Amino acid sequence: MSRSGRRAALRLAALLTTTGTLHFAAPKPFDAIVPTSLPGSARFWTYASGVVELGLAGLLANPRTRRAGGTLAAAFFVAVFPGNVKAVRVLSHPALRAAAIARLPLQVPLVTQALAARDG
């Protein structure tokens, strides 16, 4: 694996570990952005996505599973985009809403970094 691919994998593993942990430590903000079209409770999806993020972090951190981790992380970042769009709609605090808007285009580098981790 290339040095840049390894760095991308470790950066994403750190990010996903942090956000995955936050899904359990402070779930309410995540509950608020779960699309209502998903069946079941928002909390279920908050916890499920936290488990997925922690699992992806593990896959990316391990050189033997990094290729699969990069592929799955790229797909995950695309799949959660509707929740990020919903955050823009539901957040009423101006600073939080501005942060949610600013976050939308960041999905692109997350996907490209996941692919770099996969292909690097």
Protein backbone atom coordinates (compact mmCIF):
# COMPACT_ATOMS: atom_id res chain seq x y z
CA MET A 1 0.00 0.00 0.00
CA SER A 2 1.24 3.47 -0.77
CA ARG A 3 2.16 5.86 2.01
CA SER A 4 -0.66 8.24 1.02
CA GLY A 5 -3.20 5.39 1.03
CA ARG A 6 -2.00 4.28 4.45
CA ARG A 7 -2.29 7.84 5.78
CA ALA A 8 -5.79 8.21 4.34
CA ALA A 9 -6.82 4.94 5.98
CA LEU A 10 -5.50 5.96 9.37
CA ARG A 11 -7.07 9.44 9.18
CA LEU A 12 -10.44 7.93 8.34
CA ALA A 13 -10.05 5.27 11.05
CA ALA A 14 -9.48 8.03 13.63
CA LEU A 15 -12.43 10.07 12.35
CA LEU A 16 -14.76 7.06 12.29
CA THR A 17 -13.67 5.97 15.77
CA THR A 18 -14.50 9.43 17.09
CA THR A 19 -17.86 9.76 15.37
CA GLY A 20 -18.81 6.15 16.08
CA THR A 21 -18.13 6.68 19.77
CA LEU A 22 -20.17 9.89 19.76
CA HIS A 23 -23.19 7.94 18.46
CA PHE A 24 -23.22 6.17 21.85
CA ALA A 25 -21.96 8.96 24.12
CA ALA A 26 -24.30 11.66 22.77
CA PRO A 27 -26.96 10.03 20.57
CA LYS A 28 -29.66 12.74 20.56
CA PRO A 29 -28.17 14.91 17.78
CA PHE A 30 -27.80 11.83 15.61
CA ASP A 31 -31.38 10.72 16.34
CA ALA A 32 -32.63 14.06 15.01
CA ILE A 33 -31.14 13.53 11.57
CA VAL A 34 -32.22 9.94 10.95
CA PRO A 35 -34.46 9.97 7.86
CA THR A 36 -38.08 9.30 8.87
CA SER A 37 -38.43 6.94 5.91
CA LEU A 38 -36.32 4.34 7.75
CA PRO A 39 -38.32 1.76 9.69
CA GLY A 40 -37.94 1.49 13.45
CA SER A 41 -36.73 4.00 15.97
CA ALA A 42 -34.23 6.73 15.28
CA ARG A 43 -32.16 5.53 18.23
CA PHE A 44 -31.81 2.09 16.63
CA TRP A 45 -30.36 3.70 13.50
CA THR A 46 -28.13 5.98 15.57
CA TYR A 47 -26.64 3.00 17.38
CA ALA A 48 -26.47 0.89 14.23
CA SER A 49 -24.57 3.58 12.35
CA GLY A 50 -22.24 3.96 15.34
CA VAL A 51 -21.49 0.23 15.20
CA VAL A 52 -20.88 0.49 11.45
CA GLU A 53 -18.52 3.45 11.90
CA LEU A 54 -16.52 1.62 14.57
CA GLY A 55 -16.37 -1.48 12.38
CA LEU A 56 -15.19 0.55 9.40
CA ALA A 57 -12.52 2.15 11.58
CA GLY A 58 -11.26 -1.30 12.49
CA LEU A 59 -11.22 -2.45 8.88
CA LEU A 60 -9.31 0.66 7.78
CA ALA A 61 -6.79 0.41 10.62
CA ASN A 62 -5.86 -3.18 9.76
CA PRO A 63 -3.65 -3.48 6.66
CA ARG A 64 -5.12 -6.89 5.85
CA THR A 65 -8.70 -5.55 5.68
CA ARG A 66 -7.96 -2.01 4.50
CA ARG A 67 -9.07 -2.59 0.89
CA ALA A 68 -12.50 -3.82 1.97
CA GLY A 69 -12.67 -1.08 4.61
CA GLY A 70 -12.01 1.62 2.02
CA THR A 71 -14.67 0.28 -0.31
CA LEU A 72 -17.24 -0.04 2.46
CA ALA A 73 -16.38 3.37 3.93
CA ALA A 74 -16.89 5.04 0.54
CA ALA A 75 -20.30 3.37 0.23
CA PHE A 76 -21.18 4.36 3.81
CA PHE A 77 -20.30 8.02 3.24
CA VAL A 78 -22.62 8.06 0.23
CA ALA A 79 -25.37 6.25 2.15
CA VAL A 80 -25.42 8.70 5.08
CA PHE A 81 -25.62 11.77 2.85
CA PRO A 82 -29.45 11.98 3.12
CA GLY A 83 -29.07 12.26 6.89
CA ASN A 84 -26.63 15.12 6.42
CA VAL A 85 -29.12 16.87 4.15
CA LYS A 86 -31.85 16.35 6.76
CA ALA A 87 -29.59 17.95 9.38
CA VAL A 88 -29.62 21.15 7.32
CA ARG A 89 -33.42 21.11 7.30
CA VAL A 90 -34.06 20.26 10.96
CA LEU A 91 -31.39 22.21 12.82
CA SER A 92 -32.78 25.56 13.90
CA HIS A 93 -29.80 27.02 15.74
CA PRO A 94 -28.03 29.26 13.18
CA ALA A 95 -24.50 28.12 14.02
CA LEU A 96 -25.41 24.42 13.95
CA ARG A 97 -27.32 24.86 10.71
CA ALA A 98 -24.35 26.70 9.14
CA ALA A 99 -22.05 23.88 10.24
CA ALA A 100 -24.41 21.31 8.71
CA ILE A 101 -24.47 23.22 5.43
CA ALA A 102 -20.68 23.50 5.41
CA ARG A 103 -20.42 19.76 6.06
CA LEU A 104 -22.34 18.71 2.95
CA PRO A 105 -19.50 19.21 0.44
CA LEU A 106 -17.12 17.44 2.83
CA GLN A 107 -18.71 14.13 1.85
CA VAL A 108 -16.78 14.33 -1.42
CA PRO A 109 -13.30 14.28 0.19
CA LEU A 110 -14.46 11.60 2.61
CA VAL A 111 -15.41 9.37 -0.32
CA THR A 112 -12.20 10.16 -2.21
CA GLN A 113 -10.08 9.47 0.90
CA ALA A 114 -11.88 6.15 1.41
CA LEU A 115 -11.12 5.23 -2.20
CA ALA A 116 -7.50 6.31 -1.74
CA ALA A 117 -7.28 4.06 1.32
CA ARG A 118 -8.70 1.22 -0.75
CA ASP A 119 -6.50 1.74 -3.78
CA GLY A 120 -3.36 3.10 -2.14
